[in-house]
């Protein structure tokens, strides 16, 4: 039986912003960007807005958690080791399948050096 291997994150650029996203989400972001006519620095649609459109079904706190973890170049297993929160739960928090509670937000905020209030947004 082979071990389950996660697919690597794909690095994409939208305007002046760079993101590392799972392949499925990266393809969706690139498709959305291609559909926007004349994407340039003069557009009022920032990379953050584009990503939010892709992740619109997820709570803001979930998107923020994933973004901060990726920004710090930490995988879910490493975050588990740093917080004591199981990686399977971290995955559920990031997907929005599980609600980030005050005590969990405090642990993430401490490790990632962020404001816990941003993790509690729905």
C-alpha atoms as a PDB file:
ATOM      1  CA  UNK A   1       0.000   0.000   0.000  1.00  0.00           C
ATOM      2  CA  UNK A   2       1.465   3.331  -0.991  1.00  0.00           C
ATOM      3  CA  UNK A   3       1.509   6.300   1.363  1.00  0.00           C
ATOM      4  CA  UNK A   4      -0.777   9.233   0.609  1.00  0.00           C
ATOM      5  CA  UNK A   5       1.324  12.064  -0.776  1.00  0.00           C
ATOM      6  CA  UNK A   6       0.080  15.635  -0.852  1.00  0.00           C
ATOM      7  CA  UNK A   7       0.532  17.518  -4.070  1.00  0.00           C
ATOM      8  CA  UNK A   8       3.017  20.385  -3.867  1.00  0.00           C
ATOM      9  CA  UNK A   9       1.807  23.964  -3.879  1.00  0.00           C
ATOM     10  CA  UNK A  10       2.087  25.793  -7.171  1.00  0.00           C
ATOM     11  CA  UNK A  11       3.554  29.285  -7.223  1.00  0.00           C
ATOM     12  CA  UNK A  12       1.568  31.780  -9.307  1.00  0.00           C
ATOM     13  CA  UNK A  13       1.791  35.520  -9.819  1.00  0.00           C
ATOM     14  CA  UNK A  14      -1.178  37.826 -10.186  1.00  0.00           C
ATOM     15  CA  UNK A  15      -0.092  41.349 -10.924  1.00  0.00           C
ATOM     16  CA  UNK A  16       2.661  42.109  -8.406  1.00  0.00           C
ATOM     17  CA  UNK A  17       1.447  39.511  -5.898  1.00  0.00           C
ATOM     18  CA  UNK A  18       2.786  35.959  -5.568  1.00  0.00           C
ATOM     19  CA  UNK A  19       0.828  33.050  -4.138  1.00  0.00           C
ATOM     20  CA  UNK A  20       1.438  29.387  -3.398  1.00  0.00           C
ATOM     21  CA  UNK A  21      -1.761  27.446  -3.906  1.00  0.00           C
ATOM     22  CA  UNK A  22      -2.890  23.867  -4.355  1.00  0.00           C
ATOM     23  CA  UNK A  23      -3.034  22.916  -8.028  1.00  0.00           C
ATOM     24  CA  UNK A  24      -6.842  22.944  -8.214  1.00  0.00           C
ATOM     25  CA  UNK A  25      -7.091  26.436  -6.698  1.00  0.00           C
ATOM     26  CA  UNK A  26      -4.147  27.720  -8.762  1.00  0.00           C
ATOM     27  CA  UNK A  27      -5.906  26.655 -11.963  1.00  0.00           C
ATOM     28  CA  UNK A  28      -9.090  28.400 -10.830  1.00  0.00           C
ATOM     29  CA  UNK A  29      -7.221  31.618  -9.991  1.00  0.00           C
ATOM     30  CA  UNK A  30      -5.398  31.585 -13.333  1.00  0.00           C
ATOM     31  CA  UNK A  31      -8.656  30.956 -15.198  1.00  0.00           C
ATOM     32  CA  UNK A  32     -10.272  33.889 -13.381  1.00  0.00           C
ATOM     33  CA  UNK A  33      -7.303  36.151 -14.092  1.00  0.00           C
ATOM     34  CA  UNK A  34      -7.380  35.219 -17.775  1.00  0.00           C
ATOM     35  CA  UNK A  35     -11.058  36.142 -17.868  1.00  0.00           C
ATOM     36  CA  UNK A  36     -10.347  39.649 -16.602  1.00  0.00           C
ATOM     37  CA  UNK A  37      -9.672  41.964 -19.512  1.00  0.00           C
ATOM     38  CA  UNK A  38      -6.493  44.041 -19.391  1.00  0.00           C
ATOM     39  CA  UNK A  39      -5.268  42.957 -15.957  1.00  0.00           C
ATOM     40  CA  UNK A  40      -2.654  45.519 -14.992  1.00  0.00           C
ATOM     41  CA  UNK A  41      -1.591  47.673 -12.106  1.00  0.00           C
ATOM     42  CA  UNK A  42      -4.369  50.092 -13.039  1.00  0.00           C
ATOM     43  CA  UNK A  43      -7.104  47.517 -12.414  1.00  0.00           C
ATOM     44  CA  UNK A  44      -9.139  47.872  -9.275  1.00  0.00           C
ATOM     45  CA  UNK A  45      -9.165  44.086  -8.760  1.00  0.00           C
ATOM     46  CA  UNK A  46      -6.256  43.173  -6.506  1.00  0.00           C
ATOM     47  CA  UNK A  47      -4.778  39.693  -6.190  1.00  0.00           C
ATOM     48  CA  UNK A  48      -6.352  39.506  -2.730  1.00  0.00           C
ATOM     49  CA  UNK A  49      -9.796  40.131  -4.210  1.00  0.00           C
ATOM     50  CA  UNK A  50      -9.200  37.508  -6.899  1.00  0.00           C
ATOM     51  CA  UNK A  51      -8.223  34.912  -4.302  1.00  0.00           C
ATOM     52  CA  UNK A  52     -11.193  35.812  -2.106  1.00  0.00           C
ATOM     53  CA  UNK A  53     -13.484  35.130  -5.054  1.00  0.00           C
ATOM     54  CA  UNK A  54     -12.012  31.634  -5.334  1.00  0.00           C
ATOM     55  CA  UNK A  55     -12.298  31.043  -1.575  1.00  0.00           C
ATOM     56  CA  UNK A  56     -15.671  32.759  -1.197  1.00  0.00           C
ATOM     57  CA  UNK A  57     -17.273  29.689   0.355  1.00  0.00           C
ATOM     58  CA  UNK A  58     -14.723  29.630   3.172  1.00  0.00           C
ATOM     59  CA  UNK A  59     -14.860  31.785   6.310  1.00  0.00           C
ATOM     60  CA  UNK A  60     -12.445  34.737   6.273  1.00  0.00           C
ATOM     61  CA  UNK A  61     -10.608  33.292   9.267  1.00  0.00           C
ATOM     62  CA  UNK A  62     -10.006  30.041   7.374  1.00  0.00           C
ATOM     63  CA  UNK A  63      -8.592  31.871   4.353  1.00  0.00           C
ATOM     64  CA  UNK A  64      -6.461  34.061   6.626  1.00  0.00           C
ATOM     65  CA  UNK A  65      -5.088  31.055   8.525  1.00  0.00           C
ATOM     66  CA  UNK A  66      -4.057  29.279   5.355  1.00  0.00           C
ATOM     67  CA  UNK A  67      -2.566  32.435   3.881  1.00  0.00           C
ATOM     68  CA  UNK A  68      -0.493  33.162   6.978  1.00  0.00           C
ATOM     69  CA  UNK A  69       0.695  29.557   7.224  1.00  0.00           C
ATOM     70  CA  UNK A  70       1.725  29.538   3.559  1.00  0.00           C
ATOM     71  CA  UNK A  71       3.357  32.978   3.913  1.00  0.00           C
ATOM     72  CA  UNK A  72       5.485  31.648   6.755  1.00  0.00           C
ATOM     73  CA  UNK A  73       6.313  28.579   4.634  1.00  0.00           C
ATOM     74  CA  UNK A  74       4.963  26.211   7.291  1.00  0.00           C
ATOM     75  CA  UNK A  75       3.135  23.024   6.366  1.00  0.00           C
ATOM     76  CA  UNK A  76       0.247  21.666   8.405  1.00  0.00           C
ATOM     77  CA  UNK A  77       2.419  19.025  10.095  1.00  0.00           C
ATOM     78  CA  UNK A  78       4.899  21.691  11.246  1.00  0.00           C
ATOM     79  CA  UNK A  79       2.046  23.843  12.536  1.00  0.00           C
ATOM     80  CA  UNK A  80       0.760  20.796  14.414  1.00  0.00           C
ATOM     81  CA  UNK A  81       4.143  20.430  16.114  1.00  0.00           C
ATOM     82  CA  UNK A  82       4.202  24.116  17.007  1.00  0.00           C
ATOM     83  CA  UNK A  83       0.635  24.340  18.351  1.00  0.00           C
ATOM     84  CA  UNK A  84      -0.280  20.828  19.438  1.00  0.00           C
ATOM     85  CA  UNK A  85      -3.346  21.002  17.179  1.00  0.00           C
ATOM     86  CA  UNK A  86      -3.615  17.891  14.969  1.00  0.00           C
ATOM     87  CA  UNK A  87      -2.859  18.485  11.276  1.00  0.00           C
ATOM     88  CA  UNK A  88      -6.203  16.913  10.365  1.00  0.00           C
ATOM     89  CA  UNK A  89      -7.959  19.614  12.410  1.00  0.00           C
ATOM     90  CA  UNK A  90      -5.792  22.342  10.875  1.00  0.00           C
ATOM     91  CA  UNK A  91      -6.915  21.124   7.453  1.00  0.00           C
ATOM     92  CA  UNK A  92     -10.551  21.322   8.575  1.00  0.00           C
ATOM     93  CA  UNK A  93     -10.037  24.847   9.975  1.00  0.00           C
ATOM     94  CA  UNK A  94      -8.487  25.985   6.679  1.00  0.00           C
ATOM     95  CA  UNK A  95     -11.247  24.475   4.559  1.00  0.00           C
ATOM     96  CA  UNK A  96     -13.969  25.951   6.752  1.00  0.00           C
ATOM     97  CA  UNK A  97     -15.257  22.495   7.706  1.00  0.00           C
ATOM     98  CA  UNK A  98     -14.497  23.274  11.345  1.00  0.00           C
ATOM     99  CA  UNK A  99     -15.014  26.574  13.199  1.00  0.00           C
ATOM    100  CA  UNK A 100     -11.939  28.232  14.717  1.00  0.00           C
ATOM    101  CA  UNK A 101     -12.652  28.759  18.418  1.00  0.00           C
ATOM    102  CA  UNK A 102     -11.179  31.448  20.656  1.00  0.00           C
ATOM    103  CA  UNK A 103      -8.699  29.036  22.308  1.00  0.00           C
ATOM    104  CA  UNK A 104      -7.552  27.622  18.956  1.00  0.00           C
ATOM    105  CA  UNK A 105      -7.223  31.125  17.468  1.00  0.00           C
ATOM    106  CA  UNK A 106      -5.046  32.103  20.432  1.00  0.00           C
ATOM    107  CA  UNK A 107      -2.639  29.198  19.731  1.00  0.00           C
ATOM    108  CA  UNK A 108      -2.414  30.003  16.016  1.00  0.00           C
ATOM    109  CA  UNK A 109      -1.981  33.715  16.720  1.00  0.00           C
ATOM    110  CA  UNK A 110       0.847  33.082  19.166  1.00  0.00           C
ATOM    111  CA  UNK A 111       2.767  30.803  16.788  1.00  0.00           C
ATOM    112  CA  UNK A 112       2.176  32.853  13.624  1.00  0.00           C
ATOM    113  CA  UNK A 113       2.555  36.261  15.303  1.00  0.00           C
ATOM    114  CA  UNK A 114      -0.844  37.498  14.167  1.00  0.00           C
ATOM    115  CA  UNK A 115      -3.987  39.013  15.682  1.00  0.00           C
ATOM    116  CA  UNK A 116      -6.370  36.249  16.796  1.00  0.00           C
ATOM    117  CA  UNK A 117      -9.410  38.394  15.928  1.00  0.00           C
ATOM    118  CA  UNK A 118      -8.703  37.947  12.225  1.00  0.00           C
ATOM    119  CA  UNK A 119      -8.945  34.177  12.652  1.00  0.00           C
ATOM    120  CA  UNK A 120     -12.374  34.441  14.266  1.00  0.00           C
ATOM    121  CA  UNK A 121     -14.026  36.197  11.298  1.00  0.00           C
ATOM    122  CA  UNK A 122     -16.772  34.257   9.541  1.00  0.00           C
END
